[in-house]
């Protein structure tokens, strides 16, 4: 089985099947209170970050987030100036917002699973692929921009 098919299948489950399953089991709150508003703000921020990343992949990178149509240029602008994986952070914030909105512990557990799966995917597949594809340019970028947290006090190349 080709690795791209496995990745597509895995992310289909992580980004589509499981969230749809969780949303279908959740009861919409009878009233919108401050907790739901906080959840909407967190989810909205996450959605804006993720959509900004998709836009950067299309406009700057000339590609998509999908491994089978990956960007042809290394994207280091927009949210990618601060961390190397802002799209995953954006999607994670969207899921975190949903967990807060619905006050759902299972959805919060799913969020943890999402970040573990994302981290493993990044370390085992994405970063080696980017190193092979972009070489020194990607290595320099990694030296200036953190995987999950900004490198404070360093210049961003």
Protein backbone atom coordinates (compact mmCIF):
# COMPACT_ATOMS: atom_id res chain seq x y z
CA UNK A 1 0.00 0.00 0.00
CA UNK A 2 1.56 3.37 -0.99
CA UNK A 3 2.46 5.66 1.93
CA UNK A 4 0.39 8.51 0.50
CA UNK A 5 -2.74 6.35 0.54
CA UNK A 6 -2.07 5.37 4.16
CA UNK A 7 -1.56 9.02 5.11
CA UNK A 8 -4.73 10.05 3.32
CA UNK A 9 -6.68 7.27 5.01
CA UNK A 10 -5.24 8.11 8.45
CA UNK A 11 -5.98 11.81 8.15
CA UNK A 12 -9.43 11.04 6.76
CA UNK A 13 -10.16 9.25 10.02
CA UNK A 14 -8.50 11.91 12.18
CA UNK A 15 -9.89 15.00 10.45
CA UNK A 16 -13.25 13.75 9.17
CA UNK A 17 -14.57 10.49 10.61
CA UNK A 18 -13.79 10.97 14.32
CA UNK A 19 -14.88 14.65 14.50
CA UNK A 20 -18.14 13.85 12.69
CA UNK A 21 -18.67 10.93 15.08
CA UNK A 22 -18.02 13.12 18.13
CA UNK A 23 -20.22 15.95 16.85
CA UNK A 24 -23.06 13.50 16.17
CA UNK A 25 -22.97 12.29 19.78
CA UNK A 26 -22.95 15.76 21.34
CA UNK A 27 -26.02 17.56 22.59
CA UNK A 28 -26.26 21.19 21.47
CA UNK A 29 -26.33 23.40 24.58
CA UNK A 30 -29.80 24.55 25.58
CA UNK A 31 -28.42 28.05 26.11
CA UNK A 32 -25.35 29.88 24.86
CA UNK A 33 -23.37 31.07 27.86
CA UNK A 34 -19.90 32.43 28.48
CA UNK A 35 -18.32 28.96 28.17
CA UNK A 36 -19.81 28.53 24.69
CA UNK A 37 -18.66 32.01 23.68
CA UNK A 38 -15.11 31.20 24.82
CA UNK A 39 -15.31 27.97 22.81
CA UNK A 40 -16.47 29.85 19.71
CA UNK A 41 -13.62 32.37 20.06
CA UNK A 42 -11.00 29.61 20.46
CA UNK A 43 -12.48 27.66 17.54
CA UNK A 44 -12.73 30.79 15.41
CA UNK A 45 -9.09 31.69 16.01
CA UNK A 46 -8.10 28.14 15.10
CA UNK A 47 -10.17 28.24 11.91
CA UNK A 48 -8.61 31.55 10.84
CA UNK A 49 -5.09 30.19 11.43
CA UNK A 50 -5.80 26.95 9.53
CA UNK A 51 -7.45 28.75 6.61
CA UNK A 52 -4.58 31.23 6.45
CA UNK A 53 -2.18 28.31 6.18
CA UNK A 54 -4.20 26.70 3.38
CA UNK A 55 -4.21 30.04 1.57
CA UNK A 56 -0.44 30.38 1.97
CA UNK A 57 0.07 26.86 0.64
CA UNK A 58 -1.96 27.74 -2.47
CA UNK A 59 -0.62 31.25 -3.13
CA UNK A 60 2.99 31.05 -1.95
CA UNK A 61 3.70 27.33 -2.11
CA UNK A 62 1.70 26.62 -5.27
CA UNK A 63 0.15 23.50 -3.75
CA UNK A 64 -2.20 22.16 -1.10
CA UNK A 65 -1.89 20.67 2.40
CA UNK A 66 -2.48 17.20 0.92
CA UNK A 67 0.69 15.08 0.58
CA UNK A 68 -0.24 14.09 -2.98
CA UNK A 69 -0.40 17.77 -4.08
CA UNK A 70 2.15 19.30 -1.70
CA UNK A 71 3.48 22.83 -2.16
CA UNK A 72 6.34 23.17 -4.64
CA UNK A 73 7.88 26.05 -2.69
CA UNK A 74 8.75 26.11 1.00
CA UNK A 75 6.20 28.29 2.80
CA UNK A 76 7.83 30.42 5.50
CA UNK A 77 5.53 33.45 5.54
CA UNK A 78 2.31 34.19 7.39
CA UNK A 79 1.85 31.98 10.46
CA UNK A 80 4.83 29.89 9.28
CA UNK A 81 7.13 32.76 10.37
CA UNK A 82 6.42 31.88 13.99
CA UNK A 83 6.06 28.07 14.10
CA UNK A 84 6.63 25.33 11.53
CA UNK A 85 3.24 23.67 12.05
CA UNK A 86 0.62 26.39 12.46
CA UNK A 87 -1.98 24.48 10.42
CA UNK A 88 -2.02 21.66 12.98
CA UNK A 89 -2.19 24.23 15.77
CA UNK A 90 -5.12 25.94 14.02
CA UNK A 91 -7.03 22.67 13.57
CA UNK A 92 -6.21 21.74 17.17
CA UNK A 93 -7.56 25.08 18.40
CA UNK A 94 -10.71 24.51 16.36
CA UNK A 95 -11.18 21.12 18.05
CA UNK A 96 -10.34 22.65 21.44
CA UNK A 97 -13.01 25.29 20.84
CA UNK A 98 -15.52 22.53 20.09
CA UNK A 99 -14.52 20.69 23.28
CA UNK A 100 -15.06 23.87 25.31
CA UNK A 101 -18.28 24.79 23.50
CA UNK A 102 -19.82 21.38 24.17
CA UNK A 103 -18.00 20.93 27.51
CA UNK A 104 -17.00 17.50 26.23
CA UNK A 105 -14.28 15.48 27.94
CA UNK A 106 -14.29 12.84 25.14
CA UNK A 107 -13.72 15.60 22.57
CA UNK A 108 -10.86 16.89 24.73
CA UNK A 109 -9.38 13.38 24.75
CA UNK A 110 -9.76 13.32 20.96
CA UNK A 111 -7.84 16.61 20.82
CA UNK A 112 -4.95 14.95 22.66
CA UNK A 113 -5.04 12.03 20.21
CA UNK A 114 -5.03 14.52 17.31
CA UNK A 115 -1.87 16.22 18.60
CA UNK A 116 -0.07 12.92 19.26
CA UNK A 117 -0.96 11.65 15.77
CA UNK A 118 0.04 14.98 14.21
CA UNK A 119 3.36 15.05 16.04
CA UNK A 120 4.19 11.50 14.95
CA UNK A 121 3.21 12.28 11.36
CA UNK A 122 5.35 15.42 11.36
CA UNK A 123 8.42 13.75 12.84
CA UNK A 124 8.22 10.45 10.94
CA UNK A 125 6.99 11.60 7.52
CA UNK A 126 6.61 15.31 6.96
CA UNK A 127 9.96 16.63 8.20
CA UNK A 128 12.06 13.95 6.42
CA UNK A 129 10.10 14.62 3.23
CA UNK A 130 10.62 18.38 3.53
CA UNK A 131 14.36 17.85 4.17
CA UNK A 132 14.62 15.74 1.00
CA UNK A 133 12.54 18.19 -1.03
CA UNK A 134 13.93 21.54 0.13
CA UNK A 135 17.34 20.57 1.58
CA UNK A 136 19.39 23.38 3.09
CA UNK A 137 16.56 25.88 2.80
CA UNK A 138 14.40 23.74 5.10
CA UNK A 139 17.29 23.04 7.50
CA UNK A 140 17.93 26.79 7.87
CA UNK A 141 14.21 27.37 8.41
CA UNK A 142 14.17 24.70 11.16
CA UNK A 143 17.09 26.44 12.85
CA UNK A 144 15.13 29.68 13.10
CA UNK A 145 11.54 28.53 13.62
CA UNK A 146 10.34 26.07 16.27
CA UNK A 147 8.19 23.04 15.47
CA UNK A 148 5.43 23.91 17.96
CA UNK A 149 6.68 26.94 19.93
CA UNK A 150 8.24 30.16 18.64
CA UNK A 151 11.96 30.58 19.26
CA UNK A 152 11.87 33.74 21.30
CA UNK A 153 14.80 36.10 20.90
CA UNK A 154 15.98 34.58 17.59
CA UNK A 155 15.72 36.25 14.23
CA UNK A 156 13.34 34.63 11.81
CA UNK A 157 15.23 33.97 8.58
